């Protein structure tokens, strides 16, 4: 199954994944961050998506509401990845054959309806 296999913030330079594990925002209830997630399989194959993560409290302040992934509040990177993984599994059909290039491409196009993907068909 597809899942998040790598993660990084767009606006924070953090040297290691350990740094991400301990990062916390100034206000856990009012978060507005763009993140990049590598969606793929355990073998390292995947595609990068940009996702606009924000809390419900931050949403009214946003001028653009594209590619949003709203969360109630910030708990941790691991918690966010778990939520993203659940979204992926809930969004994609269970009968995907990821060894089939057509199914794999369809899965990426499906996620591109929600998250920014540079290869999405316009």
PDB file of N, CA and C in Angstrom:
ATOM      1  N   UNK A   1       0.840  -1.194   0.000  1.00  0.00           N
ATOM      2  CA  UNK A   1       0.000   0.000   0.000  1.00  0.00           C
ATOM      3  C   UNK A   1       0.873   1.242   0.000  1.00  0.00           C
ATOM      4  N   UNK A   2       0.360   2.278  -0.580  1.00  0.00           N
ATOM      5  CA  UNK A   2       1.073   3.555  -0.590  1.00  0.00           C
ATOM      6  C   UNK A   2       0.977   4.225   0.767  1.00  0.00           C
ATOM      7  N   UNK A   3       2.052   4.950   1.100  1.00  0.00           N
ATOM      8  CA  UNK A   3       2.073   5.686   2.361  1.00  0.00           C
ATOM      9  C   UNK A   3       3.132   6.773   2.266  1.00  0.00           C
ATOM     10  N   UNK A   4       3.204   7.627   3.277  1.00  0.00           N
ATOM     11  CA  UNK A   4       4.243   8.657   3.348  1.00  0.00           C
ATOM     12  C   UNK A   4       5.552   7.982   3.748  1.00  0.00           C
ATOM     13  N   UNK A   5       6.569   8.136   2.886  1.00  0.00           N
ATOM     14  CA  UNK A   5       7.866   7.524   3.180  1.00  0.00           C
ATOM     15  C   UNK A   5       8.941   8.551   3.495  1.00  0.00           C
ATOM     16  N   UNK A   6       8.647   9.828   3.261  1.00  0.00           N
ATOM     17  CA  UNK A   6       9.573  10.894   3.638  1.00  0.00           C
ATOM     18  C   UNK A   6       8.767  12.166   3.822  1.00  0.00           C
ATOM     19  N   UNK A   7       9.338  13.127   4.529  1.00  0.00           N
ATOM     20  CA  UNK A   7       8.603  14.322   4.944  1.00  0.00           C
ATOM     21  C   UNK A   7       9.579  15.465   5.121  1.00  0.00           C
ATOM     22  N   UNK A   8       9.155  16.675   4.748  1.00  0.00           N
ATOM     23  CA  UNK A   8       9.932  17.872   5.081  1.00  0.00           C
ATOM     24  C   UNK A   8       9.023  19.097   5.054  1.00  0.00           C
ATOM     25  N   UNK A   9       9.386  20.071   5.870  1.00  0.00           N
ATOM     26  CA  UNK A   9       8.690  21.347   5.858  1.00  0.00           C
ATOM     27  C   UNK A   9       9.229  22.199   4.721  1.00  0.00           C
ATOM     28  N   UNK A  10       8.387  23.006   4.092  1.00  0.00           N
ATOM     29  CA  UNK A  10       8.860  23.916   3.055  1.00  0.00           C
ATOM     30  C   UNK A  10       9.641  25.084   3.640  1.00  0.00           C
ATOM     31  N   UNK A  11       9.231  25.574   4.795  1.00  0.00           N
ATOM     32  CA  UNK A  11       9.799  26.809   5.336  1.00  0.00           C
ATOM     33  C   UNK A  11      10.724  26.620   6.528  1.00  0.00           C
ATOM     34  N   UNK A  12      11.092  25.404   6.852  1.00  0.00           N
ATOM     35  CA  UNK A  12      11.981  25.159   7.984  1.00  0.00           C
ATOM     36  C   UNK A  12      13.134  24.275   7.527  1.00  0.00           C
ATOM     37  N   UNK A  13      14.331  24.743   7.732  1.00  0.00           N
ATOM     38  CA  UNK A  13      15.491  23.931   7.400  1.00  0.00           C
ATOM     39  C   UNK A  13      15.879  23.147   8.647  1.00  0.00           C
ATOM     40  N   UNK A  14      15.623  21.874   8.600  1.00  0.00           N
ATOM     41  CA  UNK A  14      15.940  21.006   9.722  1.00  0.00           C
ATOM     42  C   UNK A  14      16.860  19.927   9.182  1.00  0.00           C
ATOM     43  N   UNK A  15      17.981  19.748   9.840  1.00  0.00           N
ATOM     44  CA  UNK A  15      19.047  18.897   9.304  1.00  0.00           C
ATOM     45  C   UNK A  15      18.756  17.405   9.312  1.00  0.00           C
ATOM     46  N   UNK A  16      17.920  16.949  10.188  1.00  0.00           N
ATOM     47  CA  UNK A  16      17.713  15.511  10.273  1.00  0.00           C
ATOM     48  C   UNK A  16      16.261  15.218  10.619  1.00  0.00           C
ATOM     49  N   UNK A  17      15.866  13.980  10.382  1.00  0.00           N
ATOM     50  CA  UNK A  17      14.507  13.585  10.734  1.00  0.00           C
ATOM     51  C   UNK A  17      14.280  13.726  12.232  1.00  0.00           C
ATOM     52  N   UNK A  18      15.326  13.513  13.030  1.00  0.00           N
ATOM     53  CA  UNK A  18      15.207  13.710  14.489  1.00  0.00           C
ATOM     54  C   UNK A  18      14.761  15.134  14.802  1.00  0.00           C
ATOM     55  N   UNK A  19      15.270  16.098  14.029  1.00  0.00           N
ATOM     56  CA  UNK A  19      14.865  17.487  14.215  1.00  0.00           C
ATOM     57  C   UNK A  19      13.381  17.685  13.978  1.00  0.00           C
ATOM     58  N   UNK A  20      12.844  16.968  12.986  1.00  0.00           N
ATOM     59  CA  UNK A  20      11.411  17.049  12.726  1.00  0.00           C
ATOM     60  C   UNK A  20      10.607  16.449  13.875  1.00  0.00           C
ATOM     61  N   UNK A  21      11.138  15.416  14.479  1.00  0.00           N
ATOM     62  CA  UNK A  21      10.422  14.749  15.564  1.00  0.00           C
ATOM     63  C   UNK A  21      10.206  15.664  16.763  1.00  0.00           C
ATOM     64  N   UNK A  22      11.103  16.619  16.965  1.00  0.00           N
ATOM     65  CA  UNK A  22      10.990  17.490  18.136  1.00  0.00           C
ATOM     66  C   UNK A  22      10.473  18.886  17.805  1.00  0.00           C
ATOM     67  N   UNK A  23      10.283  19.192  16.518  1.00  0.00           N
ATOM     68  CA  UNK A  23       9.803  20.527  16.131  1.00  0.00           C
ATOM     69  C   UNK A  23       8.382  20.740  16.635  1.00  0.00           C
ATOM     70  N   UNK A  24       8.129  21.930  17.156  1.00  0.00           N
ATOM     71  CA  UNK A  24       6.771  22.310  17.537  1.00  0.00           C
ATOM     72  C   UNK A  24       6.521  23.740  17.081  1.00  0.00           C
ATOM     73  N   UNK A  25       5.311  24.033  16.662  1.00  0.00           N
ATOM     74  CA  UNK A  25       4.990  25.404  16.248  1.00  0.00           C
ATOM     75  C   UNK A  25       4.821  26.310  17.461  1.00  0.00           C
ATOM     76  N   UNK A  26       4.838  27.602  17.215  1.00  0.00           N
ATOM     77  CA  UNK A  26       4.617  28.557  18.308  1.00  0.00           C
ATOM     78  C   UNK A  26       3.238  28.360  18.934  1.00  0.00           C
ATOM     79  N   UNK A  27       2.248  28.058  18.083  1.00  0.00           N
ATOM     80  CA  UNK A  27       0.883  27.879  18.566  1.00  0.00           C
ATOM     81  C   UNK A  27       0.310  26.611  17.933  1.00  0.00           C
ATOM     82  N   UNK A  28       0.161  25.566  18.699  1.00  0.00           N
ATOM     83  CA  UNK A  28      -0.302  24.273  18.184  1.00  0.00           C
ATOM     84  C   UNK A  28      -1.740  24.316  17.687  1.00  0.00           C
ATOM     85  N   UNK A  29      -2.499  25.321  18.113  1.00  0.00           N
ATOM     86  CA  UNK A  29      -3.896  25.454  17.688  1.00  0.00           C
ATOM     87  C   UNK A  29      -4.036  26.301  16.426  1.00  0.00           C
ATOM     88  N   UNK A  30      -2.981  27.035  16.067  1.00  0.00           N
ATOM     89  CA  UNK A  30      -3.049  27.963  14.936  1.00  0.00           C
ATOM     90  C   UNK A  30      -1.865  27.713  14.008  1.00  0.00           C
ATOM     91  N   UNK A  31      -1.897  26.589  13.318  1.00  0.00           N
ATOM     92  CA  UNK A  31      -0.793  26.165  12.457  1.00  0.00           C
ATOM     93  C   UNK A  31      -1.152  26.385  10.989  1.00  0.00           C
ATOM     94  N   UNK A  32      -0.174  26.888  10.222  1.00  0.00           N
ATOM     95  CA  UNK A  32      -0.346  27.127   8.796  1.00  0.00           C
ATOM     96  C   UNK A  32       0.999  26.845   8.137  1.00  0.00           C
ATOM     97  N   UNK A  33       1.202  25.611   7.657  1.00  0.00           N
ATOM     98  CA  UNK A  33       2.492  25.184   7.120  1.00  0.00           C
ATOM     99  C   UNK A  33       2.323  24.407   5.820  1.00  0.00           C
ATOM    100  N   UNK A  34       3.204  24.667   4.865  1.00  0.00           N
ATOM    101  CA  UNK A  34       3.308  23.827   3.682  1.00  0.00           C
ATOM    102  C   UNK A  34       4.358  22.767   3.966  1.00  0.00           C
ATOM    103  N   UNK A  35       4.018  21.527   3.645  1.00  0.00           N
ATOM    104  CA  UNK A  35       4.956  20.424   3.813  1.00  0.00           C
ATOM    105  C   UNK A  35       5.072  19.663   2.498  1.00  0.00           C
ATOM    106  N   UNK A  36       6.161  18.956   2.360  1.00  0.00           N
ATOM    107  CA  UNK A  36       6.340  18.052   1.227  1.00  0.00           C
ATOM    108  C   UNK A  36       6.350  16.632   1.769  1.00  0.00           C
ATOM    109  N   UNK A  37       5.600  15.774   1.103  1.00  0.00           N
ATOM    110  CA  UNK A  37       5.557  14.369   1.503  1.00  0.00           C
ATOM    111  C   UNK A  37       5.873  13.501   0.293  1.00  0.00           C
ATOM    112  N   UNK A  38       6.718  12.524   0.524  1.00  0.00           N
ATOM    113  CA  UNK A  38       7.013  11.534  -0.501  1.00  0.00           C
ATOM    114  C   UNK A  38       6.036  10.386  -0.290  1.00  0.00           C
ATOM    115  N   UNK A  39       5.177  10.175  -1.273  1.00  0.00           N
ATOM    116  CA  UNK A  39       4.192   9.104  -1.196  1.00  0.00           C
ATOM    117  C   UNK A  39       4.685   7.965  -2.067  1.00  0.00           C
ATOM    118  N   UNK A  40       4.842   6.808  -1.463  1.00  0.00           N
ATOM    119  CA  UNK A  40       5.337   5.681  -2.221  1.00  0.00           C
ATOM    120  C   UNK A  40       5.243   4.391  -1.445  1.00  0.00           C
ATOM    121  N   UNK A  41       6.128   3.489  -1.803  1.00  0.00           N
ATOM    122  CA  UNK A  41       6.173   2.176  -1.182  1.00  0.00           C
ATOM    123  C   UNK A  41       7.492   2.030  -0.436  1.00  0.00           C
ATOM    124  N   UNK A  42       7.631   0.981   0.286  1.00  0.00           N
ATOM    125  CA  UNK A  42       8.830   0.746   1.101  1.00  0.00           C
ATOM    126  C   UNK A  42      10.114   0.650   0.275  1.00  0.00           C
ATOM    127  N   UNK A  43      10.003   0.336  -1.006  1.00  0.00           N
ATOM    128  CA  UNK A  43      11.210   0.159  -1.826  1.00  0.00           C
ATOM    129  C   UNK A  43      11.848   1.478  -2.247  1.00  0.00           C
ATOM    130  N   UNK A  44      11.305   2.589  -1.796  1.00  0.00           N
ATOM    131  CA  UNK A  44      11.894   3.887  -2.094  1.00  0.00           C
ATOM    132  C   UNK A  44      11.279   4.595  -3.279  1.00  0.00           C
ATOM    133  N   UNK A  45      10.470   3.898  -4.055  1.00  0.00           N
ATOM    134  CA  UNK A  45       9.777   4.530  -5.174  1.00  0.00           C
ATOM    135  C   UNK A  45       8.708   5.464  -4.628  1.00  0.00           C
ATOM    136  N   UNK A  46       8.499   6.577  -5.303  1.00  0.00           N
ATOM    137  CA  UNK A  46       7.438   7.467  -4.866  1.00  0.00           C
ATOM    138  C   UNK A  46       7.463   8.791  -5.591  1.00  0.00           C
ATOM    139  N   UNK A  47       6.508   9.625  -5.237  1.00  0.00           N
ATOM    140  CA  UNK A  47       6.399  10.956  -5.814  1.00  0.00           C
ATOM    141  C   UNK A  47       6.178  11.958  -4.690  1.00  0.00           C
ATOM    142  N   UNK A  48       6.757  13.151  -4.889  1.00  0.00           N
ATOM    143  CA  UNK A  48       6.608  14.227  -3.908  1.00  0.00           C
ATOM    144  C   UNK A  48       5.317  14.995  -4.157  1.00  0.00           C
ATOM    145  N   UNK A  49       4.603  15.249  -3.086  1.00  0.00           N
ATOM    146  CA  UNK A  49       3.408  16.090  -3.106  1.00  0.00           C
ATOM    147  C   UNK A  49       3.620  17.222  -2.113  1.00  0.00           C
ATOM    148  N   UNK A  50       3.059  18.383  -2.439  1.00  0.00           N
ATOM    149  CA  UNK A  50       3.041  19.485  -1.482  1.00  0.00           C
ATOM    150  C   UNK A  50       1.638  19.566  -0.891  1.00  0.00           C
ATOM    151  N   UNK A  51       1.602  19.691   0.423  1.00  0.00           N
ATOM    152  CA  UNK A  51       0.339  19.669   1.158  1.00  0.00           C
ATOM    153  C   UNK A  51       0.312  20.879   2.086  1.00  0.00           C
ATOM    154  N   UNK A  52      -0.805  21.585   2.076  1.00  0.00           N
ATOM    155  CA  UNK A  52      -0.967  22.747   2.954  1.00  0.00           C
ATOM    156  C   UNK A  52      -1.654  22.274   4.237  1.00  0.00           C
ATOM    157  N   UNK A  53      -0.865  22.096   5.277  1.00  0.00           N
ATOM    158  CA  UNK A  53      -1.367  21.625   6.566  1.00  0.00           C
ATOM    159  C   UNK A  53      -1.747  22.846   7.401  1.00  0.00           C
ATOM    160  N   UNK A  54      -2.963  22.832   7.890  1.00  0.00           N
ATOM    161  CA  UNK A  54      -3.372  23.935   8.765  1.00  0.00           C
ATOM    162  C   UNK A  54      -4.403  23.439   9.770  1.00  0.00           C
ATOM    163  N   UNK A  55      -4.474  24.135  10.867  1.00  0.00           N
ATOM    164  CA  UNK A  55      -5.477  23.811  11.879  1.00  0.00           C
ATOM    165  C   UNK A  55      -6.793  24.489  11.510  1.00  0.00           C
ATOM    166  N   UNK A  56      -7.856  23.984  12.106  1.00  0.00           N
ATOM    167  CA  UNK A  56      -9.167  24.579  11.855  1.00  0.00           C
ATOM    168  C   UNK A  56      -9.172  26.062  12.230  1.00  0.00           C
ATOM    169  N   UNK A  57      -8.473  26.397  13.287  1.00  0.00           N
ATOM    170  CA  UNK A  57      -8.425  27.784  13.749  1.00  0.00           C
ATOM    171  C   UNK A  57      -7.725  28.683  12.731  1.00  0.00           C
ATOM    172  N   UNK A  58      -6.756  28.165  12.007  1.00  0.00           N
ATOM    173  CA  UNK A  58      -6.011  28.972  11.026  1.00  0.00           C
ATOM    174  C   UNK A  58      -6.759  29.143   9.708  1.00  0.00           C
ATOM    175  N   UNK A  59      -7.698  28.282   9.413  1.00  0.00           N
ATOM    176  CA  UNK A  59      -8.358  28.292   8.106  1.00  0.00           C
ATOM    177  C   UNK A  59      -9.002  29.630   7.732  1.00  0.00           C
ATOM    178  N   UNK A  60      -9.708  30.309   8.632  1.00  0.00           N
ATOM    179  CA  UNK A  60     -10.329  31.580   8.241  1.00  0.00           C
ATOM    180  C   UNK A  60      -9.307  32.655   7.819  1.00  0.00           C
ATOM    181  N   UNK A  61      -8.064  32.515   8.245  1.00  0.00           N
ATOM    182  CA  UNK A  61      -7.028  33.501   7.919  1.00  0.00           C
ATOM    183  C   UNK A  61      -6.430  33.283   6.529  1.00  0.00           C
ATOM    184  N   UNK A  62      -6.711  32.179   5.887  1.00  0.00           N
ATOM    185  CA  UNK A  62      -6.088  31.830   4.614  1.00  0.00           C
ATOM    186  C   UNK A  62      -6.789  32.514   3.451  1.00  0.00           C
ATOM    187  N   UNK A  63      -5.994  33.070   2.536  1.00  0.00           N
ATOM    188  CA  UNK A  63      -6.587  33.661   1.344  1.00  0.00           C
ATOM    189  C   UNK A  63      -6.815  32.601   0.264  1.00  0.00           C
ATOM    190  N   UNK A  64      -5.939  31.590   0.214  1.00  0.00           N
ATOM    191  CA  UNK A  64      -6.103  30.472  -0.723  1.00  0.00           C
ATOM    192  C   UNK A  64      -6.306  29.193   0.071  1.00  0.00           C
ATOM    193  N   UNK A  65      -7.235  28.400  -0.394  1.00  0.00           N
ATOM    194  CA  UNK A  65      -7.544  27.175   0.338  1.00  0.00           C
ATOM    195  C   UNK A  65      -7.383  25.953  -0.560  1.00  0.00           C
ATOM    196  N   UNK A  66      -6.318  25.957  -1.344  1.00  0.00           N
ATOM    197  CA  UNK A  66      -6.024  24.824  -2.209  1.00  0.00           C
ATOM    198  C   UNK A  66      -5.088  23.849  -1.497  1.00  0.00           C
ATOM    199  N   UNK A  67      -5.271  22.595  -1.784  1.00  0.00           N
ATOM    200  CA  UNK A  67      -4.408  21.516  -1.296  1.00  0.00           C
ATOM    201  C   UNK A  67      -4.352  21.450   0.228  1.00  0.00           C
ATOM    202  N   UNK A  68      -5.447  21.842   0.867  1.00  0.00           N
ATOM    203  CA  UNK A  68      -5.503  21.866   2.334  1.00  0.00           C
ATOM    204  C   UNK A  68      -5.618  20.469   2.923  1.00  0.00           C
ATOM    205  N   UNK A  69      -4.936  20.307   4.024  1.00  0.00           N
ATOM    206  CA  UNK A  69      -5.094  19.131   4.864  1.00  0.00           C
ATOM    207  C   UNK A  69      -5.336  19.656   6.277  1.00  0.00           C
ATOM    208  N   UNK A  70      -6.602  19.880   6.626  1.00  0.00           N
ATOM    209  CA  UNK A  70      -6.889  20.459   7.943  1.00  0.00           C
ATOM    210  C   UNK A  70      -6.760  19.440   9.067  1.00  0.00           C
ATOM    211  N   UNK A  71      -6.245  19.909  10.179  1.00  0.00           N
ATOM    212  CA  UNK A  71      -6.111  19.091  11.385  1.00  0.00           C
ATOM    213  C   UNK A  71      -6.647  19.910  12.566  1.00  0.00           C
ATOM    214  N   UNK A  72      -7.103  19.243  13.620  1.00  0.00           N
ATOM    215  CA  UNK A  72      -7.619  19.994  14.773  1.00  0.00           C
ATOM    216  C   UNK A  72      -6.535  20.816  15.468  1.00  0.00           C
ATOM    217  N   UNK A  73      -5.363  20.198  15.670  1.00  0.00           N
ATOM    218  CA  UNK A  73      -4.244  20.882  16.322  1.00  0.00           C
ATOM    219  C   UNK A  73      -2.968  20.092  16.032  1.00  0.00           C
ATOM    220  N   UNK A  74      -1.848  20.715  16.303  1.00  0.00           N
ATOM    221  CA  UNK A  74      -0.555  20.070  16.066  1.00  0.00           C
ATOM    222  C   UNK A  74      -0.182  19.222  17.266  1.00  0.00           C
ATOM    223  N   UNK A  75       0.164  17.952  17.009  1.00  0.00           N
ATOM    224  CA  UNK A  75       0.670  17.091  18.062  1.00  0.00           C
ATOM    225  C   UNK A  75       2.131  16.732  17.812  1.00  0.00           C
ATOM    226  N   UNK A  76       2.427  16.255  16.581  1.00  0.00           N
ATOM    227  CA  UNK A  76       3.795  15.873  16.238  1.00  0.00           C
ATOM    228  C   UNK A  76       3.855  15.533  14.756  1.00  0.00           C
ATOM    229  N   UNK A  77       5.074  15.443  14.227  1.00  0.00           N
ATOM    230  CA  UNK A  77       5.248  15.016  12.847  1.00  0.00           C
ATOM    231  C   UNK A  77       4.712  13.594  12.690  1.00  0.00           C
ATOM    232  N   UNK A  78       5.028  12.725  13.633  1.00  0.00           N
ATOM    233  CA  UNK A  78       4.558  11.342  13.539  1.00  0.00           C
ATOM    234  C   UNK A  78       3.038  11.283  13.496  1.00  0.00           C
ATOM    235  N   UNK A  79       2.377  12.081  14.302  1.00  0.00           N
ATOM    236  CA  UNK A  79       0.917  12.118  14.298  1.00  0.00           C
ATOM    237  C   UNK A  79       0.392  12.603  12.946  1.00  0.00           C
ATOM    238  N   UNK A  80       1.039  13.629  12.391  1.00  0.00           N
ATOM    239  CA  UNK A  80       0.626  14.129  11.079  1.00  0.00           C
ATOM    240  C   UNK A  80       0.809  13.055  10.012  1.00  0.00           C
ATOM    241  N   UNK A  81       1.935  12.361  10.013  1.00  0.00           N
ATOM    242  CA  UNK A  81       2.178  11.309   9.024  1.00  0.00           C
ATOM    243  C   UNK A  81       1.136  10.198   9.160  1.00  0.00           C
ATOM    244  N   UNK A  82       0.766   9.858  10.383  1.00  0.00           N
ATOM    245  CA  UNK A  82      -0.280   8.851  10.583  1.00  0.00           C
ATOM    246  C   UNK A  82      -1.602   9.316   9.977  1.00  0.00           C
ATOM    247  N   UNK A  83      -1.935  10.596  10.145  1.00  0.00           N
ATOM    248  CA  UNK A  83      -3.165  11.142   9.564  1.00  0.00           C
ATOM    249  C   UNK A  83      -3.088  11.150   8.032  1.00  0.00           C
ATOM    250  N   UNK A  84      -1.937  11.530   7.488  1.00  0.00           N
ATOM    251  CA  UNK A  84      -1.754  11.520   6.032  1.00  0.00           C
ATOM    252  C   UNK A  84      -1.862  10.097   5.487  1.00  0.00           C
ATOM    253  N   UNK A  85      -1.236   9.132   6.163  1.00  0.00           N
ATOM    254  CA  UNK A  85      -1.322   7.730   5.738  1.00  0.00           C
ATOM    255  C   UNK A  85      -2.772   7.235   5.754  1.00  0.00           C
ATOM    256  N   UNK A  86      -3.511   7.616   6.778  1.00  0.00           N
ATOM    257  CA  UNK A  86      -4.921   7.209   6.854  1.00  0.00           C
ATOM    258  C   UNK A  86      -5.703   7.820   5.703  1.00  0.00           C
ATOM    259  N   UNK A  87      -5.429   9.090   5.392  1.00  0.00           N
ATOM    260  CA  UNK A  87      -6.098   9.741   4.265  1.00  0.00           C
ATOM    261  C   UNK A  87      -5.800   8.997   2.969  1.00  0.00           C
ATOM    262  N   UNK A  88      -4.536   8.625   2.770  1.00  0.00           N
ATOM    263  CA  UNK A  88      -4.153   7.894   1.561  1.00  0.00           C
ATOM    264  C   UNK A  88      -4.918   6.574   1.482  1.00  0.00           C
ATOM    265  N   UNK A  89      -4.921   5.813   2.551  1.00  0.00           N
ATOM    266  CA  UNK A  89      -5.593   4.502   2.521  1.00  0.00           C
ATOM    267  C   UNK A  89      -7.105   4.649   2.372  1.00  0.00           C
ATOM    268  N   UNK A  90      -7.692   5.701   2.961  1.00  0.00           N
ATOM    269  CA  UNK A  90      -9.138   5.925   2.839  1.00  0.00           C
ATOM    270  C   UNK A  90      -9.521   6.433   1.453  1.00  0.00           C
ATOM    271  N   UNK A  91      -8.597   7.117   0.773  1.00  0.00           N
ATOM    272  CA  UNK A  91      -8.890   7.757  -0.505  1.00  0.00           C
ATOM    273  C   UNK A  91      -8.694   6.821  -1.695  1.00  0.00           C
ATOM    274  N   UNK A  92      -7.705   5.956  -1.625  1.00  0.00           N
ATOM    275  CA  UNK A  92      -7.380   5.102  -2.760  1.00  0.00           C
ATOM    276  C   UNK A  92      -8.116   3.769  -2.686  1.00  0.00           C
ATOM    277  N   UNK A  93      -8.458   3.208  -3.846  1.00  0.00           N
ATOM    278  CA  UNK A  93      -9.112   1.891  -3.848  1.00  0.00           C
ATOM    279  C   UNK A  93      -8.212   0.827  -3.232  1.00  0.00           C
ATOM    280  N   UNK A  94      -8.816  -0.104  -2.537  1.00  0.00           N
ATOM    281  CA  UNK A  94      -8.061  -1.165  -1.867  1.00  0.00           C
ATOM    282  C   UNK A  94      -7.467  -2.176  -2.845  1.00  0.00           C
ATOM    283  N   UNK A  95      -8.036  -2.260  -4.050  1.00  0.00           N
ATOM    284  CA  UNK A  95      -7.606  -3.287  -4.993  1.00  0.00           C
ATOM    285  C   UNK A  95      -6.520  -2.803  -5.957  1.00  0.00           C
ATOM    286  N   UNK A  96      -5.794  -1.750  -5.585  1.00  0.00           N
ATOM    287  CA  UNK A  96      -4.718  -1.255  -6.448  1.00  0.00           C
ATOM    288  C   UNK A  96      -3.602  -2.286  -6.559  1.00  0.00           C
ATOM    289  N   UNK A  97      -3.126  -2.464  -7.768  1.00  0.00           N
ATOM    290  CA  UNK A  97      -1.956  -3.304  -8.000  1.00  0.00           C
ATOM    291  C   UNK A  97      -0.786  -2.351  -8.256  1.00  0.00           C
ATOM    292  N   UNK A  98      -0.009  -2.072  -7.231  1.00  0.00           N
ATOM    293  CA  UNK A  98       1.052  -1.068  -7.348  1.00  0.00           C
ATOM    294  C   UNK A  98       2.204  -1.528  -8.234  1.00  0.00           C
ATOM    295  N   UNK A  99       2.244  -2.807  -8.589  1.00  0.00           N
ATOM    296  CA  UNK A  99       3.242  -3.293  -9.537  1.00  0.00           C
ATOM    297  C   UNK A  99       2.846  -2.961 -10.972  1.00  0.00           C
ATOM    298  N   UNK A 100       1.594  -2.595 -11.154  1.00  0.00           N
ATOM    299  CA  UNK A 100       1.077  -2.213 -12.462  1.00  0.00           C
ATOM    300  C   UNK A 100       1.246  -0.701 -12.619  1.00  0.00           C
ATOM    301  N   UNK A 101       2.002  -0.269 -13.624  1.00  0.00           N
ATOM    302  CA  UNK A 101       2.268   1.166 -13.818  1.00  0.00           C
ATOM    303  C   UNK A 101       0.998   1.979 -13.985  1.00  0.00           C
ATOM    304  N   UNK A 102      -0.016   1.406 -14.631  1.00  0.00           N
ATOM    305  CA  UNK A 102      -1.265   2.123 -14.834  1.00  0.00           C
ATOM    306  C   UNK A 102      -1.959   2.392 -13.502  1.00  0.00           C
ATOM    307  N   UNK A 103      -2.067   1.376 -12.655  1.00  0.00           N
ATOM    308  CA  UNK A 103      -2.687   1.558 -11.339  1.00  0.00           C
ATOM    309  C   UNK A 103      -1.891   2.543 -10.478  1.00  0.00           C
ATOM    310  N   UNK A 104      -0.574   2.427 -10.543  1.00  0.00           N
ATOM    311  CA  UNK A 104       0.286   3.324  -9.758  1.00  0.00           C
ATOM    312  C   UNK A 104       0.063   4.774 -10.202  1.00  0.00           C
ATOM    313  N   UNK A 105       0.038   5.000 -11.499  1.00  0.00           N
ATOM    314  CA  UNK A 105      -0.208   6.345 -12.028  1.00  0.00           C
ATOM    315  C   UNK A 105      -1.578   6.859 -11.652  1.00  0.00           C
ATOM    316  N   UNK A 106      -2.578   5.997 -11.711  1.00  0.00           N
ATOM    317  CA  UNK A 106      -3.929   6.406 -11.318  1.00  0.00           C
ATOM    318  C   UNK A 106      -3.984   6.788  -9.843  1.00  0.00           C
ATOM    319  N   UNK A 107      -3.240   6.069  -9.011  1.00  0.00           N
ATOM    320  CA  UNK A 107      -3.191   6.400  -7.589  1.00  0.00           C
ATOM    321  C   UNK A 107      -2.602   7.800  -7.392  1.00  0.00           C
ATOM    322  N   UNK A 108      -1.517   8.110  -8.096  1.00  0.00           N
ATOM    323  CA  UNK A 108      -0.900   9.435  -7.969  1.00  0.00           C
ATOM    324  C   UNK A 108      -1.841  10.531  -8.467  1.00  0.00           C
ATOM    325  N   UNK A 109      -2.511  10.271  -9.589  1.00  0.00           N
ATOM    326  CA  UNK A 109      -3.466  11.251 -10.116  1.00  0.00           C
ATOM    327  C   UNK A 109      -4.626  11.464  -9.152  1.00  0.00           C
ATOM    328  N   UNK A 110      -5.054  10.404  -8.495  1.00  0.00           N
ATOM    329  CA  UNK A 110      -6.131  10.524  -7.521  1.00  0.00           C
ATOM    330  C   UNK A 110      -5.700  11.410  -6.349  1.00  0.00           C
ATOM    331  N   UNK A 111      -4.498  11.188  -5.826  1.00  0.00           N
ATOM    332  CA  UNK A 111      -4.008  12.039  -4.732  1.00  0.00           C
ATOM    333  C   UNK A 111      -3.829  13.486  -5.180  1.00  0.00           C
ATOM    334  N   UNK A 112      -3.498  13.677  -6.467  1.00  0.00           N
ATOM    335  CA  UNK A 112      -3.297  15.027  -6.992  1.00  0.00           C
ATOM    336  C   UNK A 112      -4.586  15.846  -7.017  1.00  0.00           C
ATOM    337  N   UNK A 113      -5.720  15.206  -6.822  1.00  0.00           N
ATOM    338  CA  UNK A 113      -6.979  15.950  -6.687  1.00  0.00           C
ATOM    339  C   UNK A 113      -7.003  16.729  -5.377  1.00  0.00           C
ATOM    340  N   UNK A 114      -6.199  16.276  -4.415  1.00  0.00           N
ATOM    341  CA  UNK A 114      -6.221  16.857  -3.076  1.00  0.00           C
ATOM    342  C   UNK A 114      -4.926  17.575  -2.714  1.00  0.00           C
ATOM    343  N   UNK A 115      -3.801  17.077  -3.198  1.00  0.00           N
ATOM    344  CA  UNK A 115      -2.485  17.608  -2.865  1.00  0.00           C
ATOM    345  C   UNK A 115      -1.774  18.000  -4.145  1.00  0.00           C
ATOM    346  N   UNK A 116      -0.901  19.008  -4.067  1.00  0.00           N
ATOM    347  CA  UNK A 116      -0.211  19.474  -5.270  1.00  0.00           C
ATOM    348  C   UNK A 116       0.838  18.456  -5.713  1.00  0.00           C
ATOM    349  N   UNK A 117       0.750  18.089  -6.996  1.00  0.00           N
ATOM    350  CA  UNK A 117       1.695  17.165  -7.618  1.00  0.00           C
ATOM    351  C   UNK A 117       2.103  17.754  -8.946  1.00  0.00           C
ATOM    352  N   UNK A 118       3.387  17.937  -9.176  1.00  0.00           N
ATOM    353  CA  UNK A 118       3.847  18.631 -10.374  1.00  0.00           C
ATOM    354  C   UNK A 118       3.487  17.915 -11.675  1.00  0.00           C
ATOM    355  N   UNK A 119       3.208  16.643 -11.615  1.00  0.00           N
ATOM    356  CA  UNK A 119       2.897  15.885 -12.830  1.00  0.00           C
ATOM    357  C   UNK A 119       1.402  15.736 -13.080  1.00  0.00           C
ATOM    358  N   UNK A 120       0.590  16.401 -12.279  1.00  0.00           N
ATOM    359  CA  UNK A 120      -0.857  16.279 -12.446  1.00  0.00           C
ATOM    360  C   UNK A 120      -1.285  16.788 -13.806  1.00  0.00           C
ATOM    361  N   UNK A 121      -2.251  16.119 -14.385  1.00  0.00           N
ATOM    362  CA  UNK A 121      -2.805  16.549 -15.672  1.00  0.00           C
ATOM    363  C   UNK A 121      -3.648  17.786 -15.439  1.00  0.00           C
ATOM    364  N   UNK A 122      -3.411  18.783 -16.261  1.00  0.00           N
ATOM    365  CA  UNK A 122      -4.153  20.049 -16.103  1.00  0.00           C
ATOM    366  C   UNK A 122      -5.550  19.953 -16.661  1.00  0.00           C
TER     367      UNK A 122
END
